[in-house]
Each structure stands twice: as C-alpha cells, then as structure tokens.
C-alpha cells in the first residue's frame, strides 16, 4: 500500500492539500491547532530545560546543637557543642549540583544574655561528609556577639518595652556566620551530611544552616529575570518549530496535491472521473506500447547486427582460405623455377664420365 492510498483510506488528503480547494475555516482551524501545539511544546521544552539547568537556590536545614558534659571527680566540664545534619535521605542520592558554586552560612538566634556576652570570641567548625562518613570539605571561622554598651541596651529596652512586656519581641541577636564562600560538590563523592561544632557552649535559641547557590551567566538571567528570558527562549522555539512545520507542510502538500485534486474530481463528477480514468488508462497503455516498441526495436537491431556479423564471417573465411592457397602455390612454383634455372646449366657443362 502506497502513501497516497494510506492517506486516501483515512481521508487525510483533503486536510493536507490547500491547493485543492479546502475551505478558509478549515485552514484557520488547522493553523490554530498547529500554533497551539507549537506553543504548548515550546513552553514544555523550556520548563524541562529550566528544571534541568537551573538548580535550587536555597538548601536549608535546622541545626540541633547538643550540649554534652564530661563528669570528673572534681567538677562537670562542658565540652564542644556539636550537631549532625543529614541533608539527603536514603531515597535520594545527590543534594547539590556539581557545576554550581555555593555559599554556606550558619544562622544562630542567640539571647542577649550576660553569659553570651562574656564568652567573647568562639570558633565554628564545619565538616561536609559523604554517606560513608568521609570528610570532603571542611572550614573553621571565628565569631562573636555584637557589642552593646550599658546605655545602648537601656535605650533599646526602653523603646521595646511594650512589645517585650506583651511577649511580641525578645532580647536576642541573629548571628550570620559565613563558613564557606565557595563550595563545589563532587560528582563521585556527593555531600550528604554535615557536622558542626562550637568551641564554647553558646546559649542558642535556634540555629540553621543555609546553602545558597551563586548564580552567574545564563543561570542568573533565567532565575532573576524569569519572564524576559522565558519570553525570548519560547519565542525562538516557536519560530523554529513554525519554520519546520511550514517546510514539512509544503513538502507534504506538494506530494499529495495532485492526488487530492483527482479525488475531488472523482467525488464531484463521476463522468469526468471515468474520463480521467480512461485517459489515465490510455496513457498507461500508450506508455506500455511505447516501451514494448522500444524493446522490439532494440531486439531487431541486435538481431540485424548479429546476422551481419555472421554473414561477414562466412564470406571472409573462403576468401582467406583461397588467398592462403594461392600464395602457397606461387611460392612453390617460384622455387621450382629457381631450382631449374640454377641447376640446368651445371648439368649441361658437367663432364660425363
């Protein structure tokens, strides 16, 4: 079954060809359907590309600090305050993108107590580990609570007296400690958990670790300028798909236009269809006869050439034989004459014993 017969079977020739007289409404309907399909596919492609190319901006996890104590005979001494954060559950494999730089921050919500003010400087240690526990990244940064004099603290308390009394506010500070300015994840050793330790037992309301992506280049434009970038990308995708669709449409229409017009004539005028069928049959018969005549002419020419060749060969063989025999007789007669002319005088003059 040919392509034309398949299209005719499902009645698709009338929808493909435009030159055959399809209605304007049908053309508009097909154009709107094609435009909708192209627009939907372009938006879907851009969404998939955005999801795969632009990673998540923030990764946050709560930090639950542990305050263990070492008991001795004399007293109880506090050791380093630590916390273990698990970023990746067992079902997932990776958290960060390998080609994206990240910044790591530790946010501490601490009370403005005298004990914290007396701690002074303290160290914050961070280790990123794999699932097996191997350390792949580590950092150590100093930190200190902001200093406020006694007068400043009194003024702040006086200004916030009502919210503090009603419980709408609290005396606390938020420390944001940048532990890593540039972090790259490794492809074959992905980060799954982190270990945080404080050198001094700081009093903390709450804590969390923040991993923030540093977008640059195309990712920066796609994330922070989403609407203009999406408009440009989707417009380019729609243009290319429309060009491809128009090219495919023109090729298919030129291929099926003649068959569509023939089918229209068949449906509108059966007599004309019969005449067209007879004409096509006559044309096919004439073409077949022309082909047979050409084959017969070639066959006759080859037979004539073969006959001429055989006749020429038969005529040439006796002539060749005759010429060969004549040349042999002449040579023979010439030798006898030469022998007689050279030997007879010698016999006449030779003495006879």
Protein backbone atom coordinates (compact mmCIF):
# COMPACT_ATOMS: atom_id res chain seq x y z
CA UNK A 1 0.00 0.00 0.00
CA UNK A 2 1.46 3.35 -1.07
CA UNK A 3 1.44 6.57 0.93
CA UNK A 4 -1.30 8.09 -1.24
CA UNK A 5 -3.53 5.05 -0.76
CA UNK A 6 -2.96 5.20 3.01
CA UNK A 7 -3.86 8.89 3.14
CA UNK A 8 -6.89 8.27 0.93
CA UNK A 9 -8.00 5.42 3.17
CA UNK A 10 -8.07 7.64 6.28
CA UNK A 11 -9.38 10.64 4.32
CA UNK A 12 -6.34 12.79 5.08
CA UNK A 13 -5.71 14.12 1.60
CA UNK A 14 -8.48 16.65 1.96
CA UNK A 15 -6.91 18.02 5.12
CA UNK A 16 -3.36 18.20 3.80
CA UNK A 17 -3.79 19.85 0.45
CA UNK A 18 -4.55 23.56 0.31
CA UNK A 19 -4.50 23.99 -3.47
CA UNK A 20 -7.33 21.54 -3.95
CA UNK A 21 -9.90 23.97 -2.62
CA UNK A 22 -10.02 23.47 1.14
CA UNK A 23 -12.24 25.97 2.93
CA UNK A 24 -10.90 29.00 4.77
CA UNK A 25 -12.43 27.83 8.05
CA UNK A 26 -10.59 24.53 7.78
CA UNK A 27 -7.34 26.32 7.07
CA UNK A 28 -7.82 28.60 10.09
CA UNK A 29 -8.69 25.62 12.26
CA UNK A 30 -5.57 23.77 11.19
CA UNK A 31 -3.43 26.88 11.66
CA UNK A 32 -4.78 27.46 15.19
CA UNK A 33 -4.27 23.80 16.10
CA UNK A 34 -0.71 23.86 14.78
CA UNK A 35 0.06 27.13 16.59
CA UNK A 36 -1.38 25.81 19.85
CA UNK A 37 0.62 22.59 19.59
CA UNK A 38 3.81 24.51 18.81
CA UNK A 39 3.26 26.94 21.70
CA UNK A 40 2.49 24.15 24.15
CA UNK A 41 5.55 22.15 23.10
CA UNK A 42 7.77 25.25 23.34
CA UNK A 43 6.58 26.07 26.86
CA UNK A 44 7.01 22.44 27.90
CA UNK A 45 10.53 22.28 26.47
CA UNK A 46 11.54 25.49 28.24
CA UNK A 47 10.12 24.22 31.52
CA UNK A 48 12.05 20.96 31.23
CA UNK A 49 15.25 22.84 30.32
CA UNK A 50 14.78 25.24 33.27
CA UNK A 51 14.23 22.37 35.67
CA UNK A 52 17.33 20.52 34.49
CA UNK A 53 19.67 23.51 34.08
CA UNK A 54 18.81 25.83 37.00
CA UNK A 55 19.37 24.18 40.40
CA UNK A 56 17.56 25.06 43.60
CA UNK A 57 18.62 28.40 45.07
CA UNK A 58 18.48 27.60 48.81
CA UNK A 59 19.02 24.46 50.82
CA UNK A 60 18.13 24.94 54.49
CA UNK A 61 18.25 22.53 57.40
CA UNK A 62 17.71 23.04 61.14
CA UNK A 63 20.69 22.56 63.43
CA UNK A 64 20.03 20.93 66.78
CA UNK A 65 23.06 21.60 68.95
CA UNK A 66 23.98 19.04 71.57
CA UNK A 67 25.49 20.07 74.91
CA UNK A 68 27.25 17.02 76.35
CA UNK A 69 29.08 17.17 79.69
CA UNK A 70 32.16 15.37 80.86
CA UNK A 71 31.91 14.36 84.54
CA UNK A 72 35.11 14.18 86.57
CA UNK A 73 35.89 13.75 90.27
CA UNK A 74 36.18 17.46 90.87
CA UNK A 75 33.56 19.06 88.60
CA UNK A 76 31.45 18.81 85.47
CA UNK A 77 33.17 20.32 82.47
CA UNK A 78 31.31 21.20 79.21
CA UNK A 79 32.95 20.04 76.02
CA UNK A 80 32.43 21.22 72.44
CA UNK A 81 28.83 21.84 71.37
CA UNK A 82 28.17 19.73 68.27
CA UNK A 83 25.41 18.94 65.81
CA UNK A 84 24.99 16.45 62.96
CA UNK A 85 22.82 17.44 59.98
CA UNK A 86 21.60 14.91 57.43
CA UNK A 87 20.80 16.65 54.13
CA UNK A 88 19.99 13.70 51.88
CA UNK A 89 17.50 10.98 52.81
CA UNK A 90 18.23 7.41 51.91
CA UNK A 91 15.99 7.52 48.85
CA UNK A 92 17.93 10.40 47.22
CA UNK A 93 21.49 10.38 46.05
CA UNK A 94 22.58 13.99 45.48
CA UNK A 95 21.77 17.36 47.02
CA UNK A 96 23.93 19.89 45.15
CA UNK A 97 24.81 20.45 41.51
CA UNK A 98 28.41 19.65 40.62
CA UNK A 99 28.86 22.60 38.25
CA UNK A 100 27.38 25.22 40.58
CA UNK A 101 29.26 27.22 43.29
CA UNK A 102 27.56 27.60 46.67
CA UNK A 103 27.91 29.74 49.80
CA UNK A 104 27.44 28.17 53.25
CA UNK A 105 26.03 30.22 56.16
CA UNK A 106 25.23 29.38 59.76
CA UNK A 107 22.47 31.43 61.36
CA UNK A 108 22.33 31.50 65.17
CA UNK A 109 19.49 33.09 67.11
CA UNK A 110 21.12 33.76 70.48
CA UNK A 111 19.82 35.59 73.57
CA UNK A 112 21.48 38.83 74.64
CA UNK A 113 22.47 37.36 77.95
CA UNK A 114 25.40 38.20 80.16
CA UNK A 115 26.79 34.68 79.74
CA UNK A 116 26.94 35.01 75.97
CA UNK A 117 28.47 38.47 76.23
CA UNK A 118 31.20 37.13 78.49
CA UNK A 119 32.12 34.29 76.08
CA UNK A 120 33.90 36.61 73.70
CA UNK A 121 35.26 35.04 70.53
CA UNK A 122 34.45 31.44 69.73
CA UNK A 123 35.17 29.15 66.78
CA UNK A 124 32.68 27.44 64.49
CA UNK A 125 33.86 24.25 62.80
CA UNK A 126 32.13 22.71 59.78
CA UNK A 127 32.73 19.41 58.01
CA UNK A 128 30.87 18.13 54.97
CA UNK A 129 30.82 14.36 54.70
CA UNK A 130 29.69 11.66 52.32
CA UNK A 131 27.27 8.90 53.19
CA UNK A 132 30.16 6.68 54.20
CA UNK A 133 31.42 9.34 56.65
CA UNK A 134 34.44 10.52 54.64
CA UNK A 135 35.21 14.25 55.03
CA UNK A 136 35.26 16.04 51.65
CA UNK A 137 35.08 19.74 52.72
CA UNK A 138 35.88 21.48 56.00
CA UNK A 139 36.08 25.00 57.36
CA UNK A 140 36.65 26.94 60.60
CA UNK A 141 35.56 30.55 61.19
CA UNK A 142 35.62 32.84 64.25
CA UNK A 143 32.54 34.61 65.57
CA UNK A 144 31.48 36.97 68.35
CA UNK A 145 28.29 38.58 69.52
CA UNK A 146 27.86 42.27 68.67
CA UNK A 147 28.91 44.55 71.50
CA UNK A 148 26.42 46.99 73.08
CA UNK A 149 27.18 49.29 75.90
CA UNK A 150 25.02 49.51 79.01
CA UNK A 151 23.42 52.80 77.87
CA UNK A 152 22.55 51.42 74.44
CA UNK A 153 20.96 48.34 75.97
CA UNK A 154 18.87 50.53 78.30
CA UNK A 155 17.69 52.65 75.39
CA UNK A 156 16.72 49.59 73.35
CA UNK A 157 14.86 48.09 76.27
CA UNK A 158 13.01 51.38 76.81
CA UNK A 159 11.99 51.61 73.14
CA UNK A 160 10.81 47.99 73.01
CA UNK A 161 9.34 47.93 76.48
CA UNK A 162 5.73 47.37 75.38
CA UNK A 163 6.46 44.57 72.85
CA UNK A 164 8.79 42.93 75.35
CA UNK A 165 6.18 43.13 78.09
CA UNK A 166 3.49 41.65 75.80
CA UNK A 167 5.76 38.87 74.58
CA UNK A 168 5.77 40.12 70.98
CA UNK A 169 9.54 40.56 70.97
CA UNK A 170 12.55 39.14 72.74
CA UNK A 171 16.04 40.23 73.62
CA UNK A 172 18.07 38.32 71.07
CA UNK A 173 20.55 38.71 68.26
CA UNK A 174 20.91 36.83 64.98
CA UNK A 175 24.45 35.85 64.04
CA UNK A 176 25.08 35.04 60.37
CA UNK A 177 28.46 33.33 60.04
CA UNK A 178 29.77 32.67 56.55
CA UNK A 179 31.54 29.33 56.84
CA UNK A 180 32.37 28.84 53.13
CA UNK A 181 32.31 31.42 50.38
CA UNK A 182 32.75 28.93 47.52
CA UNK A 183 31.68 25.30 47.70
CA UNK A 184 31.65 22.80 44.83
CA UNK A 185 30.14 19.37 45.17
CA UNK A 186 31.98 16.37 43.77
CA UNK A 187 30.41 14.05 41.26
CA UNK A 188 31.62 10.77 42.72
CA UNK A 189 31.73 11.94 46.35
CA UNK A 190 28.48 13.88 46.86
CA UNK A 191 27.77 15.68 50.11
CA UNK A 192 25.03 14.05 52.18
CA UNK A 193 25.51 15.33 55.76
CA UNK A 194 27.41 17.93 57.77
CA UNK A 195 28.97 18.12 61.22
CA UNK A 196 29.06 21.44 63.13
CA UNK A 197 30.95 22.14 66.36
CA UNK A 198 31.29 25.23 68.58
CA UNK A 199 34.40 25.81 70.62
CA UNK A 200 32.37 27.29 73.53
CA UNK A 201 28.93 26.39 74.92
CA UNK A 202 27.00 29.26 73.40
CA UNK A 203 23.42 29.77 74.53
CA UNK A 204 21.22 29.44 71.43
CA UNK A 205 17.51 29.78 70.81
CA UNK A 206 17.63 28.18 67.35
CA UNK A 207 20.12 27.53 64.58
CA UNK A 208 20.02 26.60 60.94
CA UNK A 209 22.49 26.03 58.11
CA UNK A 210 21.87 27.68 54.74
CA UNK A 211 23.49 26.62 51.45
CA UNK A 212 22.88 29.29 48.83
CA UNK A 213 23.69 28.97 45.13
CA UNK A 214 25.72 31.71 43.45
CA UNK A 215 24.13 32.03 40.01
CA UNK A 216 26.07 33.55 37.14
CA UNK A 217 25.74 33.75 33.38
CA UNK A 218 22.69 32.17 31.83
CA UNK A 219 21.50 30.71 35.13
CA UNK A 220 21.49 34.19 36.66
CA UNK A 221 19.28 35.57 33.88
CA UNK A 222 16.98 32.55 33.89
CA UNK A 223 16.41 32.79 37.65
CA UNK A 224 16.36 36.52 38.43
CA UNK A 225 14.88 37.63 35.07
CA UNK A 226 12.48 34.78 34.52
CA UNK A 227 9.80 36.46 32.40
CA UNK A 228 12.06 38.16 29.80
CA UNK A 229 14.28 35.09 29.47
CA UNK A 230 11.31 32.76 29.14
CA UNK A 231 9.76 35.06 26.52
CA UNK A 232 12.93 35.10 24.43
CA UNK A 233 13.51 31.35 24.64
CA UNK A 234 9.87 30.41 23.94
CA UNK A 235 9.67 32.86 21.02
CA UNK A 236 12.81 31.39 19.46
CA UNK A 237 11.48 27.85 19.93
CA UNK A 238 8.11 28.79 18.40
CA UNK A 239 9.80 30.41 15.40
CA UNK A 240 11.97 27.38 14.67
CA UNK A 241 9.08 24.96 15.08
CA UNK A 242 6.85 27.06 12.82
CA UNK A 243 9.55 27.12 10.14
CA UNK A 244 9.94 23.37 10.39
CA UNK A 245 6.17 22.84 10.32
CA UNK A 246 5.77 25.11 7.29
CA UNK A 247 8.51 23.25 5.44
CA UNK A 248 7.01 19.87 6.24
CA UNK A 249 3.54 21.13 5.29
CA UNK A 250 4.73 22.41 1.91
CA UNK A 251 6.51 19.16 1.11
CA UNK A 252 3.53 17.03 2.11
CA UNK A 253 1.09 19.32 0.31
CA UNK A 254 3.08 19.26 -2.94
CA UNK A 255 3.31 15.49 -2.72
CA UNK A 256 -0.40 14.93 -2.14
CA UNK A 257 -1.95 17.88 -4.01
CA UNK A 258 -2.34 16.05 -7.34
CA UNK A 259 -3.94 13.05 -5.68
CA UNK A 260 -6.29 15.33 -3.74
CA UNK A 261 -7.45 17.12 -6.88
CA UNK A 262 -8.04 13.80 -8.58
CA UNK A 263 -10.09 12.61 -5.61
CA UNK A 264 -12.13 15.84 -5.66
CA UNK A 265 -12.90 15.39 -9.35
CA UNK A 266 -13.93 11.82 -8.67
CA UNK A 267 -16.33 12.87 -5.91
CA UNK A 268 -17.83 15.85 -7.76
CA UNK A 269 -18.21 14.46 -11.32
CA UNK A 270 -18.28 10.66 -11.84
CA UNK A 271 -18.29 11.05 -15.65
CA UNK A 272 -15.24 13.25 -15.50
CA UNK A 273 -13.69 10.73 -13.19
CA UNK A 274 -14.46 7.99 -15.70
CA UNK A 275 -12.98 10.09 -18.49
CA UNK A 276 -9.94 10.80 -16.34
CA UNK A 277 -9.69 7.12 -15.57
CA UNK A 278 -9.95 6.25 -19.27
CA UNK A 279 -7.36 8.88 -20.11
CA UNK A 280 -5.08 7.53 -17.45
CA UNK A 281 -5.64 4.00 -18.76
CA UNK A 282 -4.97 5.16 -22.31
CA UNK A 283 -1.86 6.99 -21.19
CA UNK A 284 -0.69 3.92 -19.34
CA UNK A 285 -1.45 1.75 -22.39
CA UNK A 286 0.39 4.15 -24.69
CA UNK A 287 3.34 4.26 -22.38
CA UNK A 288 3.33 0.45 -22.24
CA UNK A 289 3.15 0.23 -26.03
CA UNK A 290 5.97 2.73 -26.38
CA UNK A 291 8.08 0.69 -24.03
CA UNK A 292 7.30 -2.54 -25.95
CA UNK A 293 8.05 -0.86 -29.28
CA UNK A 294 11.37 0.37 -27.95
CA UNK A 295 12.21 -3.11 -26.69
CA UNK A 296 11.29 -4.68 -30.06
CA UNK A 297 13.35 -2.10 -31.94
CA UNK A 298 16.35 -2.84 -29.75
CA UNK A 299 15.82 -6.59 -30.27
CA UNK A 300 15.61 -6.18 -34.08
CA UNK A 301 18.72 -4.02 -34.18
CA UNK A 302 20.64 -6.57 -32.15
CA UNK A 303 19.42 -9.41 -34.45
CA UNK A 304 20.46 -7.46 -37.57
CA UNK A 305 23.87 -6.77 -36.12
CA UNK A 306 24.25 -10.45 -35.26
CA UNK A 307 23.17 -11.58 -38.72
CA UNK A 308 25.52 -9.13 -40.45
CA UNK A 309 28.34 -10.28 -38.31
CA UNK A 310 27.74 -13.96 -39.07
CA UNK A 311 27.34 -13.31 -42.83
CA UNK A 312 30.52 -11.30 -42.94
CA UNK A 313 32.34 -14.01 -41.09
CA UNK A 314 31.09 -16.71 -43.52
CA UNK A 315 32.15 -14.66 -46.56
CA UNK A 316 35.54 -13.85 -45.17
CA UNK A 317 36.59 -17.41 -44.32
CA UNK A 318 36.66 -18.79 -48.01
CA UNK A 319 38.44 -15.68 -49.24
CA UNK A 320 41.02 -16.10 -46.55
CA UNK A 321 41.46 -19.79 -47.45
CA UNK A 322 41.73 -19.02 -51.16
CA UNK A 323 44.27 -16.28 -50.65
CA UNK A 324 46.30 -18.60 -48.48
CA UNK A 325 46.27 -21.41 -51.10
CA UNK A 326 47.20 -19.07 -53.96
CA UNK A 327 50.09 -17.65 -52.04
CA UNK A 328 51.36 -21.17 -51.25
CA UNK A 329 51.18 -22.29 -54.93
CA UNK A 330 53.01 -19.23 -56.12
CA UNK A 331 55.76 -19.86 -53.66
CA UNK A 332 56.07 -23.44 -54.73
CA UNK A 333 56.25 -22.62 -58.48
CA UNK A 334 58.81 -19.98 -57.84
CA UNK A 335 61.04 -22.43 -56.00
CA UNK A 336 60.95 -24.99 -58.90
CA UNK A 337 61.76 -22.33 -61.44
CA UNK A 338 64.57 -21.11 -59.32
CA UNK A 339 65.86 -24.64 -58.96
CA UNK A 340 65.71 -25.26 -62.73
CA UNK A 341 67.39 -22.04 -63.67
CA UNK A 342 70.21 -22.60 -61.27
CA UNK A 343 70.91 -26.27 -61.77
CA UNK A 344 70.36 -27.00 -65.51
CA UNK A 345 73.47 -25.18 -66.80
CA UNK A 346 75.60 -27.00 -64.36
CA UNK A 347 74.29 -30.35 -65.67
CA UNK A 348 74.92 -29.36 -69.31
CA UNK A 349 78.53 -28.34 -68.74
CA UNK A 350 79.43 -31.00 -66.26
CA UNK A 351 81.75 -33.74 -67.71
CA UNK A 352 80.24 -37.14 -68.24
CA UNK A 353 82.40 -39.87 -67.15
